[in-house]
Amino acid sequence: MKKLLSLLTIIAVLVGIAAVQPSATADNIDDGKRNFVVSLVAKYFPFEAEELVAWYDKNIVYADNPTDSAITFKLDEKEITLAAHQTQKLILEPGQHRLVLADGKEIELTLKEGTNRSILNPTASPYFFWKTVYGSVNLPIEYKTVAIAGKPYEGPFEVSNEYLITRIGNQPWRFGLDEAIPDTVAVNNDRNTYTLIFSKAYRLPDFIKAYPMLSAQ
Protein backbone atom coordinates (compact mmCIF):
# COMPACT_ATOMS: atom_id res chain seq x y z
CA MET A 1 0.00 0.00 0.00
CA LYS A 2 2.80 2.44 0.86
CA LYS A 3 4.49 1.80 -2.45
CA LEU A 4 1.21 2.35 -4.30
CA LEU A 5 0.64 5.63 -2.51
CA SER A 6 4.20 6.65 -3.31
CA LEU A 7 3.72 5.91 -6.99
CA LEU A 8 0.44 7.84 -7.03
CA THR A 9 2.21 10.78 -5.44
CA ILE A 10 4.93 10.66 -8.08
CA ILE A 11 2.36 10.58 -10.87
CA ALA A 12 0.55 13.52 -9.30
CA VAL A 13 3.63 15.76 -9.49
CA LEU A 14 4.53 14.96 -13.10
CA VAL A 15 2.45 17.87 -14.33
CA GLY A 16 4.27 20.19 -11.95
CA ILE A 17 7.60 18.89 -13.15
CA ALA A 18 6.78 19.58 -16.77
CA ALA A 19 5.69 23.10 -15.87
CA VAL A 20 8.84 24.13 -14.01
CA GLN A 21 11.56 22.10 -15.76
CA PRO A 22 14.41 24.48 -16.65
CA SER A 23 15.47 25.29 -20.18
CA ALA A 24 17.57 22.72 -22.00
CA THR A 25 20.14 25.39 -22.78
CA ALA A 26 20.30 27.01 -19.35
CA ASP A 27 23.72 27.45 -17.79
CA ASN A 28 24.16 25.42 -14.64
CA ILE A 29 27.33 25.47 -12.56
CA ASP A 30 26.04 22.92 -10.06
CA ASP A 31 25.10 19.53 -11.49
CA GLY A 32 23.76 18.56 -8.08
CA LYS A 33 20.81 20.92 -8.49
CA ARG A 34 17.59 19.55 -9.97
CA ASN A 35 14.05 20.61 -10.41
CA PHE A 36 12.65 21.31 -6.93
CA VAL A 37 9.70 18.96 -7.28
CA VAL A 38 11.87 16.05 -8.41
CA SER A 39 14.27 16.62 -5.54
CA LEU A 40 11.40 16.68 -3.06
CA VAL A 41 9.98 13.41 -4.38
CA ALA A 42 13.41 11.78 -4.34
CA LYS A 43 13.91 12.84 -0.72
CA TYR A 44 10.76 11.20 0.62
CA PHE A 45 10.40 8.34 -1.89
CA PRO A 46 14.03 7.56 -2.80
CA PHE A 47 13.41 4.20 -4.47
CA GLU A 48 10.13 4.78 -6.26
CA ALA A 49 11.58 8.08 -7.49
CA GLU A 50 14.68 6.57 -9.13
CA GLU A 51 13.01 6.23 -12.53
CA LEU A 52 11.45 9.67 -12.20
CA VAL A 53 14.80 11.28 -11.48
CA ALA A 54 16.41 9.39 -14.37
CA TRP A 55 13.61 10.59 -16.63
CA TYR A 56 14.14 14.19 -15.58
CA ASP A 57 17.90 13.95 -16.08
CA LYS A 58 17.81 11.94 -19.32
CA ASN A 59 20.03 13.18 -22.15
CA ILE A 60 21.47 15.93 -19.95
CA VAL A 61 25.14 16.55 -20.68
CA TYR A 62 27.29 19.00 -18.75
CA ALA A 63 29.90 20.74 -20.89
CA ASP A 64 32.59 21.43 -18.32
CA ASN A 65 35.68 23.62 -18.40
CA PRO A 66 37.79 22.99 -15.28
CA THR A 67 40.75 25.03 -16.59
CA ASP A 68 41.87 28.57 -15.80
CA SER A 69 41.26 29.79 -19.38
CA ALA A 70 38.18 30.25 -21.54
CA ILE A 71 37.64 27.71 -24.31
CA THR A 72 35.60 27.66 -27.53
CA PHE A 73 34.48 24.58 -29.42
CA LYS A 74 31.72 23.40 -31.74
CA LEU A 75 29.22 20.69 -30.98
CA ASP A 76 27.15 19.63 -34.00
CA GLU A 77 28.01 22.94 -35.73
CA LYS A 78 26.91 25.01 -32.73
CA GLU A 79 29.71 27.15 -31.32
CA ILE A 80 29.98 27.12 -27.53
CA THR A 81 32.26 29.25 -25.37
CA LEU A 82 32.91 28.38 -21.75
CA ALA A 83 34.63 30.78 -19.40
CA ALA A 84 37.25 29.46 -17.01
CA HIS A 85 35.64 27.05 -14.52
CA GLN A 86 32.25 27.33 -16.22
CA THR A 87 29.76 24.50 -16.73
CA GLN A 88 26.91 24.62 -19.23
CA LYS A 89 23.97 22.25 -19.27
CA LEU A 90 23.02 20.80 -22.65
CA ILE A 91 20.45 18.27 -23.78
CA LEU A 92 21.62 15.90 -26.51
CA GLU A 93 19.57 13.23 -28.16
CA PRO A 94 21.01 9.71 -28.24
CA GLY A 95 23.10 9.01 -31.30
CA GLN A 96 26.18 10.38 -33.06
CA HIS A 97 27.53 13.86 -32.37
CA ARG A 98 30.58 15.73 -33.60
CA LEU A 99 32.88 17.74 -31.36
CA VAL A 100 35.27 20.18 -33.05
CA LEU A 101 37.99 21.68 -30.86
CA ALA A 102 39.54 25.13 -31.27
CA ASP A 103 42.55 23.63 -33.06
CA GLY A 104 40.29 21.96 -35.62
CA LYS A 105 40.52 18.46 -34.20
CA GLU A 106 37.29 16.54 -34.75
CA ILE A 107 35.99 13.87 -32.39
CA GLU A 108 33.01 11.63 -33.07
CA LEU A 109 30.91 11.07 -29.95
CA THR A 110 28.21 8.49 -29.29
CA LEU A 111 25.53 9.27 -26.73
CA LYS A 112 23.80 6.07 -25.60
CA GLU A 113 20.16 5.60 -24.68
CA GLY A 114 19.38 6.09 -21.01
CA THR A 115 22.26 8.43 -20.25
CA ASN A 116 21.82 11.12 -17.61
CA ARG A 117 24.12 13.92 -16.41
CA SER A 118 27.09 12.83 -18.51
CA ILE A 119 30.18 15.06 -18.78
CA LEU A 120 31.33 16.64 -22.03
CA ASN A 121 35.05 17.17 -21.59
CA PRO A 122 36.38 19.32 -24.47
CA THR A 123 39.68 19.96 -22.67
CA ALA A 124 40.37 16.22 -22.19
CA SER A 125 40.97 16.94 -18.52
CA PRO A 126 41.19 14.09 -15.99
CA TYR A 127 38.12 13.44 -13.85
CA PHE A 128 38.31 11.28 -10.74
CA PHE A 129 35.58 8.97 -9.38
CA TRP A 130 36.19 8.10 -5.74
CA LYS A 131 34.39 5.04 -4.37
CA THR A 132 32.74 5.12 -0.95
CA VAL A 133 31.38 2.01 0.78
CA TYR A 134 28.06 2.19 2.64
CA GLY A 135 26.85 -0.73 4.74
CA SER A 136 27.75 -3.26 7.36
CA VAL A 137 29.90 -5.58 5.25
CA ASN A 138 33.41 -4.69 4.19
CA LEU A 139 34.20 -5.52 0.60
CA PRO A 140 37.62 -5.33 -1.01
CA ILE A 141 37.97 -2.39 -3.39
CA GLU A 142 40.79 -2.07 -5.89
CA TYR A 143 43.19 0.75 -5.10
CA LYS A 144 45.03 2.72 -7.74
CA THR A 145 47.92 5.15 -7.65
CA VAL A 146 48.47 8.13 -9.92
CA ALA A 147 51.15 10.80 -9.87
CA ILE A 148 50.02 14.44 -10.02
CA ALA A 149 52.77 17.04 -10.26
CA GLY A 150 55.19 14.40 -9.01
CA LYS A 151 53.09 13.53 -5.95
CA PRO A 152 51.47 10.08 -5.60
CA TYR A 153 47.73 9.80 -4.93
CA GLU A 154 46.43 6.39 -3.90
CA GLY A 155 42.88 5.26 -3.29
CA PRO A 156 39.74 3.49 -4.53
CA PHE A 157 39.13 5.63 -7.58
CA GLU A 158 38.83 5.53 -11.34
CA VAL A 159 40.16 8.19 -13.71
CA SER A 160 38.84 9.24 -17.11
CA ASN A 161 39.85 11.94 -19.58
CA GLU A 162 37.50 10.89 -22.38
CA TYR A 163 35.83 13.66 -24.33
CA LEU A 164 32.41 12.29 -23.34
CA ILE A 165 32.24 10.59 -19.94
CA THR A 166 28.98 8.70 -20.03
CA ARG A 167 26.75 8.21 -17.01
CA ILE A 168 23.90 5.67 -17.02
CA GLY A 169 21.84 5.23 -13.88
CA ASN A 170 24.30 5.68 -11.02
CA GLN A 171 27.29 4.44 -12.99
CA PRO A 172 30.13 5.18 -12.97
CA TRP A 173 29.26 7.80 -10.36
CA ARG A 174 26.30 8.47 -8.07
CA PHE A 175 27.25 11.91 -6.76
CA GLY A 176 28.04 14.64 -9.27
CA LEU A 177 30.82 17.16 -9.58
CA ASP A 178 29.21 19.69 -7.26
CA GLU A 179 27.41 17.34 -4.89
CA ALA A 180 28.72 16.47 -1.44
CA ILE A 181 29.25 12.88 -0.34
CA PRO A 182 26.50 12.06 2.19
CA ASP A 183 27.32 10.29 5.42
CA THR A 184 24.46 7.81 4.91
CA VAL A 185 22.27 6.51 2.08
CA ALA A 186 18.84 4.89 2.17
CA VAL A 187 18.52 1.14 1.56
CA ASN A 188 15.35 -0.43 0.18
CA ASN A 189 15.43 -3.79 2.00
CA ASP A 190 15.06 -5.30 5.44
CA ARG A 191 18.27 -7.29 5.51
CA ASN A 192 20.58 -7.01 8.47
CA THR A 193 23.67 -6.84 6.29
CA TYR A 194 24.17 -5.03 3.04
CA THR A 195 26.83 -3.13 1.17
CA LEU A 196 26.55 -0.36 -1.40
CA ILE A 197 29.43 1.23 -3.26
CA PHE A 198 28.84 4.67 -4.76
CA SER A 199 31.30 6.97 -6.47
CA LYS A 200 31.70 10.74 -6.32
CA ALA A 201 32.92 12.68 -9.37
CA TYR A 202 35.74 15.21 -8.98
CA ARG A 203 37.51 17.66 -11.22
CA LEU A 204 41.29 17.51 -10.80
CA PRO A 205 41.59 20.63 -8.57
CA ASP A 206 38.66 19.46 -6.44
CA PHE A 207 40.16 16.00 -6.12
CA ILE A 208 43.49 17.37 -4.93
CA LYS A 209 41.71 19.57 -2.39
CA ALA A 210 39.51 16.74 -1.11
CA TYR A 211 42.21 14.06 -1.09
CA PRO A 212 43.43 14.53 2.52
CA MET A 213 39.87 14.02 3.77
CA LEU A 214 39.18 11.12 1.40
CA SER A 215 42.39 9.27 2.16
CA ALA A 216 41.77 9.59 5.91
CA GLN A 217 38.48 7.69 5.72
C-alpha atoms as a PDB file:
ATOM      1  CA  MET A   1       0.000   0.000   0.000  1.00  0.00           C
ATOM      2  CA  LYS A   2       2.802   2.437   0.859  1.00  0.00           C
ATOM      3  CA  LYS A   3       4.494   1.800  -2.454  1.00  0.00           C
ATOM      4  CA  LEU A   4       1.215   2.349  -4.296  1.00  0.00           C
ATOM      5  CA  LEU A   5       0.644   5.633  -2.512  1.00  0.00           C
ATOM      6  CA  SER A   6       4.201   6.648  -3.312  1.00  0.00           C
ATOM      7  CA  LEU A   7       3.718   5.912  -6.986  1.00  0.00           C
ATOM      8  CA  LEU A   8       0.437   7.844  -7.035  1.00  0.00           C
ATOM      9  CA  THR A   9       2.207  10.775  -5.438  1.00  0.00           C
ATOM     10  CA  ILE A  10       4.926  10.660  -8.083  1.00  0.00           C
ATOM     11  CA  ILE A  11       2.364  10.577 -10.867  1.00  0.00           C
ATOM     12  CA  ALA A  12       0.551  13.521  -9.304  1.00  0.00           C
ATOM     13  CA  VAL A  13       3.634  15.755  -9.494  1.00  0.00           C
ATOM     14  CA  LEU A  14       4.527  14.964 -13.105  1.00  0.00           C
ATOM     15  CA  VAL A  15       2.450  17.871 -14.334  1.00  0.00           C
ATOM     16  CA  GLY A  16       4.266  20.193 -11.953  1.00  0.00           C
ATOM     17  CA  ILE A  17       7.599  18.891 -13.147  1.00  0.00           C
ATOM     18  CA  ALA A  18       6.779  19.582 -16.772  1.00  0.00           C
ATOM     19  CA  ALA A  19       5.693  23.101 -15.869  1.00  0.00           C
ATOM     20  CA  VAL A  20       8.844  24.128 -14.010  1.00  0.00           C
ATOM     21  CA  GLN A  21      11.558  22.102 -15.762  1.00  0.00           C
ATOM     22  CA  PRO A  22      14.407  24.475 -16.651  1.00  0.00           C
ATOM     23  CA  SER A  23      15.469  25.293 -20.183  1.00  0.00           C
ATOM     24  CA  ALA A  24      17.567  22.720 -21.995  1.00  0.00           C
ATOM     25  CA  THR A  25      20.139  25.393 -22.775  1.00  0.00           C
ATOM     26  CA  ALA A  26      20.302  27.007 -19.345  1.00  0.00           C
ATOM     27  CA  ASP A  27      23.716  27.452 -17.793  1.00  0.00           C
ATOM     28  CA  ASN A  28      24.161  25.421 -14.636  1.00  0.00           C
ATOM     29  CA  ILE A  29      27.328  25.474 -12.558  1.00  0.00           C
ATOM     30  CA  ASP A  30      26.041  22.916 -10.061  1.00  0.00           C
ATOM     31  CA  ASP A  31      25.096  19.528 -11.493  1.00  0.00           C
ATOM     32  CA  GLY A  32      23.756  18.563  -8.078  1.00  0.00           C
ATOM     33  CA  LYS A  33      20.806  20.922  -8.493  1.00  0.00           C
ATOM     34  CA  ARG A  34      17.589  19.553  -9.967  1.00  0.00           C
ATOM     35  CA  ASN A  35      14.048  20.614 -10.414  1.00  0.00           C
ATOM     36  CA  PHE A  36      12.649  21.314  -6.932  1.00  0.00           C
ATOM     37  CA  VAL A  37       9.702  18.955  -7.278  1.00  0.00           C
ATOM     38  CA  VAL A  38      11.874  16.050  -8.412  1.00  0.00           C
ATOM     39  CA  SER A  39      14.269  16.620  -5.536  1.00  0.00           C
ATOM     40  CA  LEU A  40      11.404  16.677  -3.060  1.00  0.00           C
ATOM     41  CA  VAL A  41       9.982  13.411  -4.383  1.00  0.00           C
ATOM     42  CA  ALA A  42      13.412  11.783  -4.340  1.00  0.00           C
ATOM     43  CA  LYS A  43      13.910  12.838  -0.717  1.00  0.00           C
ATOM     44  CA  TYR A  44      10.764  11.200   0.615  1.00  0.00           C
ATOM     45  CA  PHE A  45      10.404   8.345  -1.891  1.00  0.00           C
ATOM     46  CA  PRO A  46      14.035   7.558  -2.802  1.00  0.00           C
ATOM     47  CA  PHE A  47      13.406   4.199  -4.470  1.00  0.00           C
ATOM     48  CA  GLU A  48      10.130   4.781  -6.260  1.00  0.00           C
ATOM     49  CA  ALA A  49      11.577   8.083  -7.493  1.00  0.00           C
ATOM     50  CA  GLU A  50      14.675   6.566  -9.134  1.00  0.00           C
ATOM     51  CA  GLU A  51      13.005   6.225 -12.529  1.00  0.00           C
ATOM     52  CA  LEU A  52      11.452   9.674 -12.201  1.00  0.00           C
ATOM     53  CA  VAL A  53      14.802  11.284 -11.479  1.00  0.00           C
ATOM     54  CA  ALA A  54      16.414   9.390 -14.371  1.00  0.00           C
ATOM     55  CA  TRP A  55      13.606  10.593 -16.626  1.00  0.00           C
ATOM     56  CA  TYR A  56      14.137  14.186 -15.581  1.00  0.00           C
ATOM     57  CA  ASP A  57      17.895  13.955 -16.084  1.00  0.00           C
ATOM     58  CA  LYS A  58      17.815  11.943 -19.325  1.00  0.00           C
ATOM     59  CA  ASN A  59      20.032  13.176 -22.152  1.00  0.00           C
ATOM     60  CA  ILE A  60      21.466  15.929 -19.946  1.00  0.00           C
ATOM     61  CA  VAL A  61      25.141  16.545 -20.679  1.00  0.00           C
ATOM     62  CA  TYR A  62      27.286  19.000 -18.750  1.00  0.00           C
ATOM     63  CA  ALA A  63      29.900  20.738 -20.886  1.00  0.00           C
ATOM     64  CA  ASP A  64      32.588  21.429 -18.317  1.00  0.00           C
ATOM     65  CA  ASN A  65      35.681  23.621 -18.395  1.00  0.00           C
ATOM     66  CA  PRO A  66      37.794  22.988 -15.283  1.00  0.00           C
ATOM     67  CA  THR A  67      40.747  25.028 -16.593  1.00  0.00           C
ATOM     68  CA  ASP A  68      41.873  28.574 -15.804  1.00  0.00           C
ATOM     69  CA  SER A  69      41.261  29.791 -19.376  1.00  0.00           C
ATOM     70  CA  ALA A  70      38.181  30.252 -21.543  1.00  0.00           C
ATOM     71  CA  ILE A  71      37.641  27.707 -24.314  1.00  0.00           C
ATOM     72  CA  THR A  72      35.605  27.663 -27.527  1.00  0.00           C
ATOM     73  CA  PHE A  73      34.476  24.584 -29.424  1.00  0.00           C
ATOM     74  CA  LYS A  74      31.724  23.402 -31.735  1.00  0.00           C
ATOM     75  CA  LEU A  75      29.215  20.694 -30.984  1.00  0.00           C
ATOM     76  CA  ASP A  76      27.154  19.629 -33.997  1.00  0.00           C
ATOM     77  CA  GLU A  77      28.009  22.944 -35.727  1.00  0.00           C
ATOM     78  CA  LYS A  78      26.914  25.007 -32.725  1.00  0.00           C
ATOM     79  CA  GLU A  79      29.709  27.151 -31.321  1.00  0.00           C
ATOM     80  CA  ILE A  80      29.984  27.122 -27.531  1.00  0.00           C
ATOM     81  CA  THR A  81      32.256  29.251 -25.366  1.00  0.00           C
ATOM     82  CA  LEU A  82      32.908  28.378 -21.752  1.00  0.00           C
ATOM     83  CA  ALA A  83      34.632  30.775 -19.398  1.00  0.00           C
ATOM     84  CA  ALA A  84      37.255  29.461 -17.006  1.00  0.00           C
ATOM     85  CA  HIS A  85      35.637  27.051 -14.518  1.00  0.00           C
ATOM     86  CA  GLN A  86      32.250  27.326 -16.221  1.00  0.00           C
ATOM     87  CA  THR A  87      29.757  24.496 -16.734  1.00  0.00           C
ATOM     88  CA  GLN A  88      26.906  24.624 -19.227  1.00  0.00           C
ATOM     89  CA  LYS A  89      23.965  22.245 -19.269  1.00  0.00           C
ATOM     90  CA  LEU A  90      23.018  20.797 -22.650  1.00  0.00           C
ATOM     91  CA  ILE A  91      20.450  18.273 -23.778  1.00  0.00           C
ATOM     92  CA  LEU A  92      21.622  15.899 -26.506  1.00  0.00           C
ATOM     93  CA  GLU A  93      19.567  13.234 -28.164  1.00  0.00           C
ATOM     94  CA  PRO A  94      21.006   9.708 -28.236  1.00  0.00           C
ATOM     95  CA  GLY A  95      23.104   9.011 -31.303  1.00  0.00           C
ATOM     96  CA  GLN A  96      26.177  10.382 -33.057  1.00  0.00           C
ATOM     97  CA  HIS A  97      27.528  13.862 -32.367  1.00  0.00           C
ATOM     98  CA  ARG A  98      30.584  15.730 -33.602  1.00  0.00           C
ATOM     99  CA  LEU A  99      32.879  17.739 -31.357  1.00  0.00           C
ATOM    100  CA  VAL A 100      35.271  20.182 -33.047  1.00  0.00           C
ATOM    101  CA  LEU A 101      37.989  21.683 -30.858  1.00  0.00           C
ATOM    102  CA  ALA A 102      39.541  25.132 -31.267  1.00  0.00           C
ATOM    103  CA  ASP A 103      42.547  23.631 -33.059  1.00  0.00           C
ATOM    104  CA  GLY A 104      40.287  21.961 -35.623  1.00  0.00           C
ATOM    105  CA  LYS A 105      40.524  18.462 -34.196  1.00  0.00           C
ATOM    106  CA  GLU A 106      37.293  16.542 -34.748  1.00  0.00           C
ATOM    107  CA  ILE A 107      35.987  13.869 -32.388  1.00  0.00           C
ATOM    108  CA  GLU A 108      33.013  11.632 -33.068  1.00  0.00           C
ATOM    109  CA  LEU A 109      30.909  11.068 -29.950  1.00  0.00           C
ATOM    110  CA  THR A 110      28.206   8.492 -29.294  1.00  0.00           C
ATOM    111  CA  LEU A 111      25.527   9.265 -26.734  1.00  0.00           C
ATOM    112  CA  LYS A 112      23.805   6.072 -25.602  1.00  0.00           C
ATOM    113  CA  GLU A 113      20.161   5.603 -24.684  1.00  0.00           C
ATOM    114  CA  GLY A 114      19.383   6.094 -21.008  1.00  0.00           C
ATOM    115  CA  THR A 115      22.258   8.435 -20.252  1.00  0.00           C
ATOM    116  CA  ASN A 116      21.818  11.124 -17.613  1.00  0.00           C
ATOM    117  CA  ARG A 117      24.118  13.922 -16.414  1.00  0.00           C
ATOM    118  CA  SER A 118      27.095  12.830 -18.506  1.00  0.00           C
ATOM    119  CA  ILE A 119      30.179  15.060 -18.778  1.00  0.00           C
ATOM    120  CA  LEU A 120      31.332  16.642 -22.025  1.00  0.00           C
ATOM    121  CA  ASN A 121      35.055  17.165 -21.591  1.00  0.00           C
ATOM    122  CA  PRO A 122      36.375  19.323 -24.466  1.00  0.00           C
ATOM    123  CA  THR A 123      39.676  19.955 -22.671  1.00  0.00           C
ATOM    124  CA  ALA A 124      40.367  16.216 -22.190  1.00  0.00           C
ATOM    125  CA  SER A 125      40.973  16.940 -18.519  1.00  0.00           C
ATOM    126  CA  PRO A 126      41.189  14.091 -15.987  1.00  0.00           C
ATOM    127  CA  TYR A 127      38.120  13.441 -13.845  1.00  0.00           C
ATOM    128  CA  PHE A 128      38.307  11.276 -10.743  1.00  0.00           C
ATOM    129  CA  PHE A 129      35.585   8.973  -9.384  1.00  0.00           C
ATOM    130  CA  TRP A 130      36.194   8.100  -5.738  1.00  0.00           C
ATOM    131  CA  LYS A 131      34.386   5.039  -4.368  1.00  0.00           C
ATOM    132  CA  THR A 132      32.740   5.124  -0.950  1.00  0.00           C
ATOM    133  CA  VAL A 133      31.381   2.012   0.785  1.00  0.00           C
ATOM    134  CA  TYR A 134      28.065   2.191   2.637  1.00  0.00           C
ATOM    135  CA  GLY A 135      26.849  -0.732   4.738  1.00  0.00           C
ATOM    136  CA  SER A 136      27.749  -3.257   7.361  1.00  0.00           C
ATOM    137  CA  VAL A 137      29.901  -5.576   5.248  1.00  0.00           C
ATOM    138  CA  ASN A 138      33.415  -4.692   4.188  1.00  0.00           C
ATOM    139  CA  LEU A 139      34.201  -5.523   0.597  1.00  0.00           C
ATOM    140  CA  PRO A 140      37.619  -5.329  -1.006  1.00  0.00           C
ATOM    141  CA  ILE A 141      37.973  -2.389  -3.388  1.00  0.00           C
ATOM    142  CA  GLU A 142      40.787  -2.075  -5.887  1.00  0.00           C
ATOM    143  CA  TYR A 143      43.192   0.751  -5.097  1.00  0.00           C
ATOM    144  CA  LYS A 144      45.026   2.718  -7.741  1.00  0.00           C
ATOM    145  CA  THR A 145      47.921   5.148  -7.652  1.00  0.00           C
ATOM    146  CA  VAL A 146      48.468   8.134  -9.924  1.00  0.00           C
ATOM    147  CA  ALA A 147      51.152  10.802  -9.872  1.00  0.00           C
ATOM    148  CA  ILE A 148      50.023  14.436 -10.022  1.00  0.00           C
ATOM    149  CA  ALA A 149      52.770  17.045 -10.260  1.00  0.00           C
ATOM    150  CA  GLY A 150      55.187  14.398  -9.011  1.00  0.00           C
ATOM    151  CA  LYS A 151      53.092  13.529  -5.951  1.00  0.00           C
ATOM    152  CA  PRO A 152      51.469  10.085  -5.599  1.00  0.00           C
ATOM    153  CA  TYR A 153      47.730   9.801  -4.934  1.00  0.00           C
ATOM    154  CA  GLU A 154      46.431   6.390  -3.895  1.00  0.00           C
ATOM    155  CA  GLY A 155      42.880   5.263  -3.289  1.00  0.00           C
ATOM    156  CA  PRO A 156      39.736   3.486  -4.530  1.00  0.00           C
ATOM    157  CA  PHE A 157      39.131   5.632  -7.575  1.00  0.00           C
ATOM    158  CA  GLU A 158      38.833   5.532 -11.343  1.00  0.00           C
ATOM    159  CA  VAL A 159      40.156   8.189 -13.712  1.00  0.00           C
ATOM    160  CA  SER A 160      38.837   9.236 -17.114  1.00  0.00           C
ATOM    161  CA  ASN A 161      39.846  11.943 -19.576  1.00  0.00           C
ATOM    162  CA  GLU A 162      37.499  10.887 -22.383  1.00  0.00           C
ATOM    163  CA  TYR A 163      35.826  13.664 -24.334  1.00  0.00           C
ATOM    164  CA  LEU A 164      32.411  12.291 -23.344  1.00  0.00           C
ATOM    165  CA  ILE A 165      32.243  10.588 -19.945  1.00  0.00           C
ATOM    166  CA  THR A 166      28.978   8.702 -20.028  1.00  0.00           C
ATOM    167  CA  ARG A 167      26.749   8.213 -17.009  1.00  0.00           C
ATOM    168  CA  ILE A 168      23.902   5.675 -17.024  1.00  0.00           C
ATOM    169  CA  GLY A 169      21.840   5.231 -13.878  1.00  0.00           C
ATOM    170  CA  ASN A 170      24.302   5.680 -11.023  1.00  0.00           C
ATOM    171  CA  GLN A 171      27.294   4.439 -12.994  1.00  0.00           C
ATOM    172  CA  PRO A 172      30.132   5.182 -12.973  1.00  0.00           C
ATOM    173  CA  TRP A 173      29.255   7.804 -10.359  1.00  0.00           C
ATOM    174  CA  ARG A 174      26.301   8.465  -8.072  1.00  0.00           C
ATOM    175  CA  PHE A 175      27.247  11.909  -6.760  1.00  0.00           C
ATOM    176  CA  GLY A 176      28.036  14.637  -9.270  1.00  0.00           C
ATOM    177  CA  LEU A 177      30.819  17.165  -9.584  1.00  0.00           C
ATOM    178  CA  ASP A 178      29.211  19.689  -7.258  1.00  0.00           C
ATOM    179  CA  GLU A 179      27.409  17.340  -4.890  1.00  0.00           C
ATOM    180  CA  ALA A 180      28.716  16.469  -1.443  1.00  0.00           C
ATOM    181  CA  ILE A 181      29.246  12.876  -0.344  1.00  0.00           C
ATOM    182  CA  PRO A 182      26.503  12.061   2.188  1.00  0.00           C
ATOM    183  CA  ASP A 183      27.319  10.285   5.423  1.00  0.00           C
ATOM    184  CA  THR A 184      24.458   7.806   4.914  1.00  0.00           C
ATOM    185  CA  VAL A 185      22.273   6.510   2.084  1.00  0.00           C
ATOM    186  CA  ALA A 186      18.842   4.886   2.170  1.00  0.00           C
ATOM    187  CA  VAL A 187      18.520   1.138   1.558  1.00  0.00           C
ATOM    188  CA  ASN A 188      15.352  -0.434   0.185  1.00  0.00           C
ATOM    189  CA  ASN A 189      15.427  -3.788   1.996  1.00  0.00           C
ATOM    190  CA  ASP A 190      15.064  -5.302   5.444  1.00  0.00           C
ATOM    191  CA  ARG A 191      18.274  -7.290   5.506  1.00  0.00           C
ATOM    192  CA  ASN A 192      20.582  -7.007   8.466  1.00  0.00           C
ATOM    193  CA  THR A 193      23.666  -6.842   6.286  1.00  0.00           C
ATOM    194  CA  TYR A 194      24.167  -5.035   3.038  1.00  0.00           C
ATOM    195  CA  THR A 195      26.828  -3.125   1.168  1.00  0.00           C
ATOM    196  CA  LEU A 196      26.546  -0.360  -1.402  1.00  0.00           C
ATOM    197  CA  ILE A 197      29.433   1.230  -3.256  1.00  0.00           C
ATOM    198  CA  PHE A 198      28.841   4.670  -4.756  1.00  0.00           C
ATOM    199  CA  SER A 199      31.300   6.970  -6.472  1.00  0.00           C
ATOM    200  CA  LYS A 200      31.696  10.740  -6.325  1.00  0.00           C
ATOM    201  CA  ALA A 201      32.917  12.684  -9.366  1.00  0.00           C
ATOM    202  CA  TYR A 202      35.736  15.212  -8.984  1.00  0.00           C
ATOM    203  CA  ARG A 203      37.510  17.656 -11.219  1.00  0.00           C
ATOM    204  CA  LEU A 204      41.289  17.509 -10.796  1.00  0.00           C
ATOM    205  CA  PRO A 205      41.594  20.629  -8.568  1.00  0.00           C
ATOM    206  CA  ASP A 206      38.661  19.464  -6.437  1.00  0.00           C
ATOM    207  CA  PHE A 207      40.161  15.995  -6.119  1.00  0.00           C
ATOM    208  CA  ILE A 208      43.491  17.374  -4.930  1.00  0.00           C
ATOM    209  CA  LYS A 209      41.714  19.570  -2.387  1.00  0.00           C
ATOM    210  CA  ALA A 210      39.512  16.739  -1.110  1.00  0.00           C
ATOM    211  CA  TYR A 211      42.207  14.058  -1.093  1.00  0.00           C
ATOM    212  CA  PRO A 212      43.428  14.533   2.517  1.00  0.00           C
ATOM    213  CA  MET A 213      39.873  14.023   3.773  1.00  0.00           C
ATOM    214  CA  LEU A 214      39.181  11.116   1.402  1.00  0.00           C
ATOM    215  CA  SER A 215      42.391   9.270   2.157  1.00  0.00           C
ATOM    216  CA  ALA A 216      41.772   9.594   5.911  1.00  0.00           C
ATOM    217  CA  GLN A 217      38.482   7.689   5.715  1.00  0.00           C
END
